[in-house]
Structure formats: structure tokens, C-alpha cells
């Protein structure tokens, strides 16, 4: 009997996780879904346990962590335990740490020869002003803690830049700058499941420069670029994920004709456009991994 525990964020998307739970129950004999804030870590007689009530998640065959930066302290502790346990998980501690930092994600990929857009990091408004001088306007600014398209801004001139930097400095957040690719309100999301890739084109709503579904865009499955999909698999391995999404934009700024803009280890399923396709592939992949390790 195969079993899986899915650990959600403290504030999780009920609609997305409803599909995930449904597929988990279809594929596995036993499935447990629990938000991370309902868990506790116990050290007892030299044994570590991750407990939900009196159920030890380390006794399951697989665990799929789906929590982000807002749960970082507890999430890091849980993944440290999972990394050293016999339970299968498609997310590593290293990957979790990298993916929660947009700049270091791109840095790690670029170091491993994955094509990326020019990206820089700053902790001060003065340093960011100098970085933007090098990039030129318009430029994309990203809050390190941002997710789901939030905290991503297109800055068109110095006046707008200074206003944004004042606000960011007030809240003591770090900020990353990324070169802007004009004329593109679409990108390609490559969902990675081990060696398998599902390519999805995302298009932003009219008038929006971002290709973000949670901000009113749309998505459709496409026949993927094989070279791009190979880089998506490579990116997942470099970051320490068996399951993730790698977002690319088509551009002539790289010799490959495309570049990674970011990676997401807990990608949404775009259920409005793709139905249960992504959760189904996630659960079936994890089940195969569990069966292969038994």
C-alpha cells in the first residue's frame, strides 16, 4: 500500500489543492493533506518525528512539500529532516533555499550554463540606481520575497524607480533587477516531472506586460521546443527538484533564442485552463518513484 503526505503552506490555495488531493487519493492507497502550521517536530529517544496530531509523516512512502517563503523557518527545518530520511520527496532542502531567492536561483542556473536574462541583486537604493544605469530603462524589478506575479514591477524611468526604491527601503526588502524583453506579454512554462516536460504558453491579459495567470492571463498546452525542454530538465536537476516549473521567455538576447526568467518548485496547476492535467502528472510521477524505490 503506497502512501503520500502533502504539506501545504499556512495560507494555501484551496482550489488548487482540492485537485491535488483528489489526484493523490486516486493514485495512492493513503493520502494525507496538512498545512505546515498544523505540524510539529519532535525529538524523542534519538528519533525525529514530523507529527500531525499523532501521525508521523516520516512513516509515509512519499512527502510532497508545497510551502513557500512565508513558512521558511519551519519549511527549512522539515526539509532538512526529509533530506536525511528514507521517505521520497521531489523537493530538496537546497532547492527550497534557492527557489525562495529569485536572484540566487538565476545565479545558480547561469553558473551551470543554463541561458538566463541578465539579473542583479541589491540591498540598497543607491546600489540599485547604479545597476539600472547599466541595464537601462525599462527594467524589471522583483522583490526577493514576491510570488505569483506579486512584487514584480516594470520601471520605465528614473522618477518611477526612485519612488519604488523608497518604498522597498522602507520595508527593508531585498530587490532584484532583470533585463526587460520588450514586446512580450507571453512566456513558456515548462512543468518538469523527472525527465518528462509539459510545455504551457502563458499570455498576459490585454495591456499587461506580464504573462501571469494569477493576474488575469490565460494558458494553453503547446508542442514544446525540445531544446528548451532539455534546459528545463537541466535547471530542475541543478536546483535539486524532481518536480517544478521553469519559466522561459523567447528572446534574441541569448544564442539559444530563449532564457529562464525564474523557477517555481510549487507551481500552480492553471486549473481554469488545464483542468487536472498538472496534479495528475505530479501524483503519477511520485507514485512511480515510490514504486521504483520499494
C-alpha atoms as a PDB file:
ATOM      1  CA  UNK A   1       0.000   0.000   0.000  1.00  0.00           C
ATOM      2  CA  UNK A   2       1.527   3.296  -1.141  1.00  0.00           C
ATOM      3  CA  UNK A   3       1.013   6.452   0.905  1.00  0.00           C
ATOM      4  CA  UNK A   4       1.694  10.161   0.470  1.00  0.00           C
ATOM      5  CA  UNK A   5       1.641  13.215   2.725  1.00  0.00           C
ATOM      6  CA  UNK A   6       1.184  16.627   1.115  1.00  0.00           C
ATOM      7  CA  UNK A   7       2.351  19.569   3.217  1.00  0.00           C
ATOM      8  CA  UNK A   8       0.681  22.821   2.206  1.00  0.00           C
ATOM      9  CA  UNK A   9       1.526  26.412   3.062  1.00  0.00           C
ATOM     10  CA  UNK A  10      -0.099  28.020   6.080  1.00  0.00           C
ATOM     11  CA  UNK A  11      -2.211  30.086   3.676  1.00  0.00           C
ATOM     12  CA  UNK A  12      -2.841  27.708   0.811  1.00  0.00           C
ATOM     13  CA  UNK A  13      -4.962  27.931  -2.328  1.00  0.00           C
ATOM     14  CA  UNK A  14      -7.980  25.724  -1.623  1.00  0.00           C
ATOM     15  CA  UNK A  15      -8.972  25.311  -5.265  1.00  0.00           C
ATOM     16  CA  UNK A  16      -5.523  24.198  -6.440  1.00  0.00           C
ATOM     17  CA  UNK A  17      -5.051  21.827  -3.531  1.00  0.00           C
ATOM     18  CA  UNK A  18      -8.505  20.318  -3.937  1.00  0.00           C
ATOM     19  CA  UNK A  19      -7.392  18.983  -7.325  1.00  0.00           C
ATOM     20  CA  UNK A  20      -4.092  17.773  -5.878  1.00  0.00           C
ATOM     21  CA  UNK A  21      -5.836  15.926  -3.044  1.00  0.00           C
ATOM     22  CA  UNK A  22      -8.291  14.338  -5.475  1.00  0.00           C
ATOM     23  CA  UNK A  23      -5.447  13.012  -7.655  1.00  0.00           C
ATOM     24  CA  UNK A  24      -3.457  11.869  -4.612  1.00  0.00           C
ATOM     25  CA  UNK A  25      -6.413   9.827  -3.379  1.00  0.00           C
ATOM     26  CA  UNK A  26      -6.902   8.344  -6.850  1.00  0.00           C
ATOM     27  CA  UNK A  27      -3.263   7.288  -7.231  1.00  0.00           C
ATOM     28  CA  UNK A  28      -2.282   6.392  -3.655  1.00  0.00           C
ATOM     29  CA  UNK A  29      -3.871   3.990  -1.188  1.00  0.00           C
ATOM     30  CA  UNK A  30      -3.488   6.561   1.581  1.00  0.00           C
ATOM     31  CA  UNK A  31      -3.198  10.338   1.238  1.00  0.00           C
ATOM     32  CA  UNK A  32      -2.863  12.972   3.944  1.00  0.00           C
ATOM     33  CA  UNK A  33      -3.114  16.707   3.328  1.00  0.00           C
ATOM     34  CA  UNK A  34      -1.992  19.076   6.072  1.00  0.00           C
ATOM     35  CA  UNK A  35      -0.968  22.769   6.279  1.00  0.00           C
ATOM     36  CA  UNK A  36       2.541  23.257   7.641  1.00  0.00           C
ATOM     37  CA  UNK A  37       1.303  25.245  10.666  1.00  0.00           C
ATOM     38  CA  UNK A  38      -0.553  22.118  11.888  1.00  0.00           C
ATOM     39  CA  UNK A  39       2.708  20.145  12.153  1.00  0.00           C
ATOM     40  CA  UNK A  40       5.187  19.797  14.972  1.00  0.00           C
ATOM     41  CA  UNK A  41       8.702  18.363  15.046  1.00  0.00           C
ATOM     42  CA  UNK A  42       9.512  16.045  17.936  1.00  0.00           C
ATOM     43  CA  UNK A  43      12.871  14.638  19.052  1.00  0.00           C
ATOM     44  CA  UNK A  44      12.345  11.541  21.167  1.00  0.00           C
ATOM     45  CA  UNK A  45      14.892   8.914  22.253  1.00  0.00           C
ATOM     46  CA  UNK A  46      17.210   9.828  19.399  1.00  0.00           C
ATOM     47  CA  UNK A  47      14.395   9.651  16.843  1.00  0.00           C
ATOM     48  CA  UNK A  48      12.996  12.611  14.883  1.00  0.00           C
ATOM     49  CA  UNK A  49       9.307  12.757  14.009  1.00  0.00           C
ATOM     50  CA  UNK A  50       7.207  15.172  11.968  1.00  0.00           C
ATOM     51  CA  UNK A  51       3.794  14.892  13.590  1.00  0.00           C
ATOM     52  CA  UNK A  52       0.286  15.845  12.561  1.00  0.00           C
ATOM     53  CA  UNK A  53      -1.689  15.096  15.700  1.00  0.00           C
ATOM     54  CA  UNK A  54      -0.243  11.632  16.421  1.00  0.00           C
ATOM     55  CA  UNK A  55       0.533  10.694  12.812  1.00  0.00           C
ATOM     56  CA  UNK A  56       4.227  10.647  11.875  1.00  0.00           C
ATOM     57  CA  UNK A  57       4.690  11.861   8.296  1.00  0.00           C
ATOM     58  CA  UNK A  58       8.039  10.059   8.087  1.00  0.00           C
ATOM     59  CA  UNK A  59       6.156   6.755   8.067  1.00  0.00           C
ATOM     60  CA  UNK A  60       4.617   7.602   4.675  1.00  0.00           C
ATOM     61  CA  UNK A  61       6.230   6.463   1.416  1.00  0.00           C
ATOM     62  CA  UNK A  62       6.327   9.973  -0.039  1.00  0.00           C
ATOM     63  CA  UNK A  63       6.006  13.558   1.064  1.00  0.00           C
ATOM     64  CA  UNK A  64       5.303  16.473  -1.276  1.00  0.00           C
ATOM     65  CA  UNK A  65       6.161  19.834   0.350  1.00  0.00           C
ATOM     66  CA  UNK A  66       4.223  22.765  -1.150  1.00  0.00           C
ATOM     67  CA  UNK A  67       5.027  25.707   1.080  1.00  0.00           C
ATOM     68  CA  UNK A  68       6.876  28.906   0.232  1.00  0.00           C
ATOM     69  CA  UNK A  69       8.885  31.745   1.717  1.00  0.00           C
ATOM     70  CA  UNK A  70       6.247  32.764   4.271  1.00  0.00           C
ATOM     71  CA  UNK A  71       6.814  29.406   6.004  1.00  0.00           C
ATOM     72  CA  UNK A  72      10.583  29.435   5.528  1.00  0.00           C
ATOM     73  CA  UNK A  73      11.711  28.762   9.110  1.00  0.00           C
ATOM     74  CA  UNK A  74       9.520  25.697   9.628  1.00  0.00           C
ATOM     75  CA  UNK A  75       9.837  24.658   5.985  1.00  0.00           C
ATOM     76  CA  UNK A  76      13.619  24.609   6.135  1.00  0.00           C
ATOM     77  CA  UNK A  77      13.542  22.503   9.321  1.00  0.00           C
ATOM     78  CA  UNK A  78      11.136  19.988   7.764  1.00  0.00           C
ATOM     79  CA  UNK A  79      13.132  19.669   4.543  1.00  0.00           C
ATOM     80  CA  UNK A  80      16.344  19.197   6.491  1.00  0.00           C
ATOM     81  CA  UNK A  81      14.698  16.174   8.131  1.00  0.00           C
ATOM     82  CA  UNK A  82      13.236  14.862   4.871  1.00  0.00           C
ATOM     83  CA  UNK A  83      16.647  15.126   3.168  1.00  0.00           C
ATOM     84  CA  UNK A  84      18.014  12.630   5.680  1.00  0.00           C
ATOM     85  CA  UNK A  85      15.011  10.309   5.819  1.00  0.00           C
ATOM     86  CA  UNK A  86      14.112   7.276   3.717  1.00  0.00           C
ATOM     87  CA  UNK A  87      10.854   8.898   2.580  1.00  0.00           C
ATOM     88  CA  UNK A  88      10.742  10.102  -1.048  1.00  0.00           C
ATOM     89  CA  UNK A  89      10.279  13.816  -1.713  1.00  0.00           C
ATOM     90  CA  UNK A  90      10.578  15.656  -5.053  1.00  0.00           C
ATOM     91  CA  UNK A  91      11.926  18.775  -3.307  1.00  0.00           C
ATOM     92  CA  UNK A  92      15.371  19.104  -1.690  1.00  0.00           C
ATOM     93  CA  UNK A  93      16.440  21.488   1.058  1.00  0.00           C
ATOM     94  CA  UNK A  94      18.978  23.054  -1.309  1.00  0.00           C
ATOM     95  CA  UNK A  95      16.304  23.607  -3.934  1.00  0.00           C
ATOM     96  CA  UNK A  96      13.913  25.138  -1.423  1.00  0.00           C
ATOM     97  CA  UNK A  97      16.559  27.581  -0.222  1.00  0.00           C
ATOM     98  CA  UNK A  98      17.498  28.582  -3.770  1.00  0.00           C
ATOM     99  CA  UNK A  99      13.957  28.853  -5.152  1.00  0.00           C
ATOM    100  CA  UNK A 100      12.906  31.204  -2.375  1.00  0.00           C
ATOM    101  CA  UNK A 101      15.549  33.667  -3.546  1.00  0.00           C
ATOM    102  CA  UNK A 102      14.942  34.847  -7.110  1.00  0.00           C
ATOM    103  CA  UNK A 103      18.468  36.163  -7.613  1.00  0.00           C
ATOM    104  CA  UNK A 104      20.299  33.073  -6.354  1.00  0.00           C
ATOM    105  CA  UNK A 105      18.030  30.875  -8.486  1.00  0.00           C
ATOM    106  CA  UNK A 106      19.193  32.665 -11.626  1.00  0.00           C
ATOM    107  CA  UNK A 107      22.802  32.827 -10.402  1.00  0.00           C
ATOM    108  CA  UNK A 108      22.921  29.056  -9.833  1.00  0.00           C
ATOM    109  CA  UNK A 109      21.417  28.323 -13.251  1.00  0.00           C
ATOM    110  CA  UNK A 110      23.734  30.744 -15.059  1.00  0.00           C
ATOM    111  CA  UNK A 111      26.756  29.155 -13.369  1.00  0.00           C
ATOM    112  CA  UNK A 112      25.611  25.833 -14.835  1.00  0.00           C
ATOM    113  CA  UNK A 113      25.306  27.198 -18.395  1.00  0.00           C
ATOM    114  CA  UNK A 114      21.519  27.477 -18.429  1.00  0.00           C
ATOM    115  CA  UNK A 115      20.564  30.563 -20.521  1.00  0.00           C
ATOM    116  CA  UNK A 116      19.207  33.340 -18.257  1.00  0.00           C
ATOM    117  CA  UNK A 117      18.382  37.031 -18.529  1.00  0.00           C
ATOM    118  CA  UNK A 118      20.884  39.484 -17.065  1.00  0.00           C
ATOM    119  CA  UNK A 119      19.959  39.763 -13.376  1.00  0.00           C
ATOM    120  CA  UNK A 120      21.364  41.663 -10.412  1.00  0.00           C
ATOM    121  CA  UNK A 121      20.737  41.954  -6.658  1.00  0.00           C
ATOM    122  CA  UNK A 122      20.751  44.946  -4.342  1.00  0.00           C
ATOM    123  CA  UNK A 123      20.108  45.665  -0.673  1.00  0.00           C
ATOM    124  CA  UNK A 124      20.206  49.455  -1.035  1.00  0.00           C
ATOM    125  CA  UNK A 125      18.508  52.067  -3.256  1.00  0.00           C
ATOM    126  CA  UNK A 126      21.874  53.610  -4.155  1.00  0.00           C
ATOM    127  CA  UNK A 127      23.300  50.324  -5.457  1.00  0.00           C
ATOM    128  CA  UNK A 128      20.130  49.601  -7.434  1.00  0.00           C
ATOM    129  CA  UNK A 129      20.326  53.006  -9.120  1.00  0.00           C
ATOM    130  CA  UNK A 130      23.792  52.097 -10.395  1.00  0.00           C
ATOM    131  CA  UNK A 131      22.600  48.677 -11.561  1.00  0.00           C
ATOM    132  CA  UNK A 132      19.711  50.214 -13.510  1.00  0.00           C
ATOM    133  CA  UNK A 133      22.109  52.604 -15.221  1.00  0.00           C
ATOM    134  CA  UNK A 134      23.846  49.537 -16.643  1.00  0.00           C
ATOM    135  CA  UNK A 135      20.587  47.790 -17.612  1.00  0.00           C
ATOM    136  CA  UNK A 136      18.823  50.865 -18.993  1.00  0.00           C
ATOM    137  CA  UNK A 137      15.084  51.610 -18.922  1.00  0.00           C
ATOM    138  CA  UNK A 138      12.636  49.972 -18.879  1.00  0.00           C
ATOM    139  CA  UNK A 139      13.803  47.401 -16.324  1.00  0.00           C
ATOM    140  CA  UNK A 140      12.025  44.701 -14.336  1.00  0.00           C
ATOM    141  CA  UNK A 141      12.342  44.853 -10.542  1.00  0.00           C
ATOM    142  CA  UNK A 142      11.418  41.855  -8.372  1.00  0.00           C
ATOM    143  CA  UNK A 143      11.027  41.674  -4.633  1.00  0.00           C
ATOM    144  CA  UNK A 144      13.015  38.667  -3.427  1.00  0.00           C
ATOM    145  CA  UNK A 145      10.024  37.606  -1.311  1.00  0.00           C
ATOM    146  CA  UNK A 146       7.474  38.010  -4.124  1.00  0.00           C
ATOM    147  CA  UNK A 147       5.398  35.187  -5.643  1.00  0.00           C
ATOM    148  CA  UNK A 148       2.516  34.586  -8.095  1.00  0.00           C
ATOM    149  CA  UNK A 149       3.409  37.735 -10.050  1.00  0.00           C
ATOM    150  CA  UNK A 150       3.238  39.923  -6.953  1.00  0.00           C
ATOM    151  CA  UNK A 151       6.208  42.130  -6.191  1.00  0.00           C
ATOM    152  CA  UNK A 152       7.179  42.276  -9.884  1.00  0.00           C
ATOM    153  CA  UNK A 153       7.331  45.777 -11.355  1.00  0.00           C
ATOM    154  CA  UNK A 154       8.171  47.266 -14.741  1.00  0.00           C
ATOM    155  CA  UNK A 155      10.062  50.514 -14.193  1.00  0.00           C
ATOM    156  CA  UNK A 156      10.018  52.913 -17.135  1.00  0.00           C
ATOM    157  CA  UNK A 157      12.003  55.918 -15.869  1.00  0.00           C
ATOM    158  CA  UNK A 158      14.170  57.241 -13.035  1.00  0.00           C
ATOM    159  CA  UNK A 159      11.307  59.044 -11.265  1.00  0.00           C
ATOM    160  CA  UNK A 160       9.321  55.812 -11.004  1.00  0.00           C
ATOM    161  CA  UNK A 161      12.467  53.932  -9.933  1.00  0.00           C
ATOM    162  CA  UNK A 162      13.194  56.307  -7.045  1.00  0.00           C
ATOM    163  CA  UNK A 163       9.609  56.103  -5.816  1.00  0.00           C
ATOM    164  CA  UNK A 164       9.698  52.288  -5.797  1.00  0.00           C
ATOM    165  CA  UNK A 165      13.122  52.160  -4.151  1.00  0.00           C
ATOM    166  CA  UNK A 166      11.948  54.447  -1.348  1.00  0.00           C
ATOM    167  CA  UNK A 167       9.046  52.085  -0.622  1.00  0.00           C
ATOM    168  CA  UNK A 168      11.202  48.949  -0.800  1.00  0.00           C
ATOM    169  CA  UNK A 169      13.788  50.505   1.510  1.00  0.00           C
ATOM    170  CA  UNK A 170      11.027  51.426   3.977  1.00  0.00           C
ATOM    171  CA  UNK A 171      10.004  47.775   4.279  1.00  0.00           C
ATOM    172  CA  UNK A 172      13.655  46.602   4.340  1.00  0.00           C
ATOM    173  CA  UNK A 173      13.185  44.139   1.485  1.00  0.00           C
ATOM    174  CA  UNK A 174      15.841  42.978  -0.971  1.00  0.00           C
ATOM    175  CA  UNK A 175      15.279  43.626  -4.651  1.00  0.00           C
ATOM    176  CA  UNK A 176      16.458  42.008  -7.856  1.00  0.00           C
ATOM    177  CA  UNK A 177      16.721  43.716 -11.251  1.00  0.00           C
ATOM    178  CA  UNK A 178      16.244  41.827 -14.516  1.00  0.00           C
ATOM    179  CA  UNK A 179      16.654  42.941 -18.105  1.00  0.00           C
ATOM    180  CA  UNK A 180      13.307  43.665 -19.772  1.00  0.00           C
ATOM    181  CA  UNK A 181      12.386  41.982 -23.058  1.00  0.00           C
ATOM    182  CA  UNK A 182      10.037  44.370 -24.929  1.00  0.00           C
ATOM    183  CA  UNK A 183       7.031  43.273 -26.935  1.00  0.00           C
ATOM    184  CA  UNK A 184       6.498  40.084 -24.934  1.00  0.00           C
ATOM    185  CA  UNK A 185       3.450  39.540 -22.766  1.00  0.00           C
ATOM    186  CA  UNK A 186       3.757  35.782 -23.154  1.00  0.00           C
ATOM    187  CA  UNK A 187       6.195  33.161 -21.932  1.00  0.00           C
ATOM    188  CA  UNK A 188       6.610  29.400 -21.792  1.00  0.00           C
ATOM    189  CA  UNK A 189       6.224  27.487 -18.549  1.00  0.00           C
ATOM    190  CA  UNK A 190       7.890  24.090 -18.621  1.00  0.00           C
ATOM    191  CA  UNK A 191       6.458  21.789 -15.979  1.00  0.00           C
ATOM    192  CA  UNK A 192       9.114  19.212 -15.125  1.00  0.00           C
ATOM    193  CA  UNK A 193       8.297  15.729 -13.818  1.00  0.00           C
ATOM    194  CA  UNK A 194      11.650  13.970 -13.715  1.00  0.00           C
ATOM    195  CA  UNK A 195      12.666  13.654 -17.377  1.00  0.00           C
ATOM    196  CA  UNK A 196       9.175  14.488 -18.687  1.00  0.00           C
ATOM    197  CA  UNK A 197       8.221  18.059 -19.584  1.00  0.00           C
ATOM    198  CA  UNK A 198       4.831  19.629 -20.235  1.00  0.00           C
ATOM    199  CA  UNK A 199       5.123  22.965 -22.077  1.00  0.00           C
ATOM    200  CA  UNK A 200       2.451  25.592 -21.476  1.00  0.00           C
ATOM    201  CA  UNK A 201       2.206  29.003 -23.132  1.00  0.00           C
ATOM    202  CA  UNK A 202       1.079  31.770 -20.803  1.00  0.00           C
ATOM    203  CA  UNK A 203      -0.293  35.025 -22.206  1.00  0.00           C
ATOM    204  CA  UNK A 204      -0.980  38.102 -20.111  1.00  0.00           C
ATOM    205  CA  UNK A 205      -4.265  39.944 -20.188  1.00  0.00           C
ATOM    206  CA  UNK A 206      -4.506  42.761 -22.787  1.00  0.00           C
ATOM    207  CA  UNK A 207      -2.458  45.744 -21.723  1.00  0.00           C
ATOM    208  CA  UNK A 208      -0.403  43.786 -19.190  1.00  0.00           C
ATOM    209  CA  UNK A 209       3.289  43.261 -19.892  1.00  0.00           C
ATOM    210  CA  UNK A 210       3.404  40.154 -17.669  1.00  0.00           C
ATOM    211  CA  UNK A 211       2.372  36.651 -18.711  1.00  0.00           C
ATOM    212  CA  UNK A 212       0.866  35.795 -15.354  1.00  0.00           C
ATOM    213  CA  UNK A 213      -2.247  33.651 -14.944  1.00  0.00           C
ATOM    214  CA  UNK A 214      -2.985  34.735 -11.387  1.00  0.00           C
ATOM    215  CA  UNK A 215      -3.147  38.339 -12.663  1.00  0.00           C
ATOM    216  CA  UNK A 216      -5.758  37.655 -15.365  1.00  0.00           C
ATOM    217  CA  UNK A 217      -3.829  35.904 -18.148  1.00  0.00           C
ATOM    218  CA  UNK A 218      -4.534  32.608 -19.926  1.00  0.00           C
ATOM    219  CA  UNK A 219      -2.682  29.346 -20.545  1.00  0.00           C
ATOM    220  CA  UNK A 220      -2.633  26.583 -23.148  1.00  0.00           C
ATOM    221  CA  UNK A 221      -0.634  23.385 -23.636  1.00  0.00           C
ATOM    222  CA  UNK A 222       1.685  23.584 -26.649  1.00  0.00           C
ATOM    223  CA  UNK A 223       4.129  21.422 -28.555  1.00  0.00           C
ATOM    224  CA  UNK A 224       7.311  22.332 -26.730  1.00  0.00           C
ATOM    225  CA  UNK A 225      10.695  23.415 -28.029  1.00  0.00           C
ATOM    226  CA  UNK A 226      12.820  20.291 -27.420  1.00  0.00           C
ATOM    227  CA  UNK A 227      15.969  22.260 -26.682  1.00  0.00           C
ATOM    228  CA  UNK A 228      14.085  24.449 -24.206  1.00  0.00           C
ATOM    229  CA  UNK A 229      12.624  21.362 -22.527  1.00  0.00           C
ATOM    230  CA  UNK A 230      16.099  19.851 -22.152  1.00  0.00           C
ATOM    231  CA  UNK A 231      17.243  23.012 -20.408  1.00  0.00           C
ATOM    232  CA  UNK A 232      14.157  22.852 -18.179  1.00  0.00           C
ATOM    233  CA  UNK A 233      15.143  19.349 -17.027  1.00  0.00           C
ATOM    234  CA  UNK A 234      18.732  20.511 -16.526  1.00  0.00           C
ATOM    235  CA  UNK A 235      17.535  23.504 -14.489  1.00  0.00           C
ATOM    236  CA  UNK A 236      15.402  21.249 -12.265  1.00  0.00           C
ATOM    237  CA  UNK A 237      18.381  18.966 -11.583  1.00  0.00           C
ATOM    238  CA  UNK A 238      20.727  21.882 -10.886  1.00  0.00           C
ATOM    239  CA  UNK A 239      18.254  23.324  -8.374  1.00  0.00           C
ATOM    240  CA  UNK A 240      17.507  19.977  -6.717  1.00  0.00           C
ATOM    241  CA  UNK A 241      13.924  19.308  -7.880  1.00  0.00           C
ATOM    242  CA  UNK A 242      12.212  16.295  -9.422  1.00  0.00           C
ATOM    243  CA  UNK A 243       9.028  18.346  -9.844  1.00  0.00           C
ATOM    244  CA  UNK A 244       8.992  22.068 -10.594  1.00  0.00           C
ATOM    245  CA  UNK A 245       8.158  24.680 -13.228  1.00  0.00           C
ATOM    246  CA  UNK A 246      10.801  26.588 -15.165  1.00  0.00           C
ATOM    247  CA  UNK A 247       9.636  29.768 -16.898  1.00  0.00           C
ATOM    248  CA  UNK A 248      11.272  30.838 -20.160  1.00  0.00           C
ATOM    249  CA  UNK A 249      10.934  33.874 -22.383  1.00  0.00           C
ATOM    250  CA  UNK A 250      11.797  33.817 -26.077  1.00  0.00           C
ATOM    251  CA  UNK A 251      14.465  36.413 -26.842  1.00  0.00           C
ATOM    252  CA  UNK A 252      17.399  37.112 -29.149  1.00  0.00           C
ATOM    253  CA  UNK A 253      19.484  38.184 -26.133  1.00  0.00           C
ATOM    254  CA  UNK A 254      20.816  34.611 -25.839  1.00  0.00           C
ATOM    255  CA  UNK A 255      22.255  32.345 -28.519  1.00  0.00           C
ATOM    256  CA  UNK A 256      19.650  29.690 -27.674  1.00  0.00           C
ATOM    257  CA  UNK A 257      16.800  32.087 -28.513  1.00  0.00           C
ATOM    258  CA  UNK A 258      15.263  31.812 -25.044  1.00  0.00           C
ATOM    259  CA  UNK A 259      16.158  32.462 -21.413  1.00  0.00           C
ATOM    260  CA  UNK A 260      14.993  31.402 -17.959  1.00  0.00           C
ATOM    261  CA  UNK A 261      13.225  34.151 -16.023  1.00  0.00           C
ATOM    262  CA  UNK A 262      12.529  32.114 -12.876  1.00  0.00           C
ATOM    263  CA  UNK A 263      11.809  28.681 -11.400  1.00  0.00           C
ATOM    264  CA  UNK A 264       8.990  27.569  -9.105  1.00  0.00           C
ATOM    265  CA  UNK A 265       9.038  24.389  -7.011  1.00  0.00           C
ATOM    266  CA  UNK A 266       5.347  24.602  -6.021  1.00  0.00           C
ATOM    267  CA  UNK A 267       3.761  25.645  -9.328  1.00  0.00           C
ATOM    268  CA  UNK A 268       0.040  26.182  -9.646  1.00  0.00           C
ATOM    269  CA  UNK A 269      -1.896  23.857 -11.965  1.00  0.00           C
ATOM    270  CA  UNK A 270      -3.690  26.574 -14.005  1.00  0.00           C
ATOM    271  CA  UNK A 271      -6.830  24.554 -13.322  1.00  0.00           C
ATOM    272  CA  UNK A 272      -9.087  27.022 -15.163  1.00  0.00           C
ATOM    273  CA  UNK A 273      -7.282  26.242 -18.427  1.00  0.00           C
ATOM    274  CA  UNK A 274      -5.598  22.850 -17.879  1.00  0.00           C
ATOM    275  CA  UNK A 275      -8.051  21.108 -15.524  1.00  0.00           C
ATOM    276  CA  UNK A 276      -6.406  18.293 -13.559  1.00  0.00           C
ATOM    277  CA  UNK A 277      -3.545  17.716 -16.050  1.00  0.00           C
ATOM    278  CA  UNK A 278      -0.727  19.003 -13.831  1.00  0.00           C
ATOM    279  CA  UNK A 279      -1.835  17.468 -10.482  1.00  0.00           C
ATOM    280  CA  UNK A 280      -2.419  14.147 -12.275  1.00  0.00           C
ATOM    281  CA  UNK A 281       1.123  14.129 -13.686  1.00  0.00           C
ATOM    282  CA  UNK A 282       2.563  15.161 -10.315  1.00  0.00           C
ATOM    283  CA  UNK A 283       0.925  12.330  -8.396  1.00  0.00           C
ATOM    284  CA  UNK A 284       1.588   9.695 -11.053  1.00  0.00           C
ATOM    285  CA  UNK A 285       5.262  10.670 -11.165  1.00  0.00           C
ATOM    286  CA  UNK A 286       5.625  10.476  -7.376  1.00  0.00           C
ATOM    287  CA  UNK A 287       3.856   7.096  -7.340  1.00  0.00           C
ATOM    288  CA  UNK A 288       6.330   5.739  -9.917  1.00  0.00           C
ATOM    289  CA  UNK A 289       9.254   6.982  -7.844  1.00  0.00           C
ATOM    290  CA  UNK A 290       7.837   5.313  -4.741  1.00  0.00           C
ATOM    291  CA  UNK A 291       7.271   2.024  -6.579  1.00  0.00           C
ATOM    292  CA  UNK A 292      10.790   2.170  -8.021  1.00  0.00           C
ATOM    293  CA  UNK A 293      12.364   2.639  -4.592  1.00  0.00           C
ATOM    294  CA  UNK A 294      10.464  -0.220  -2.914  1.00  0.00           C
END
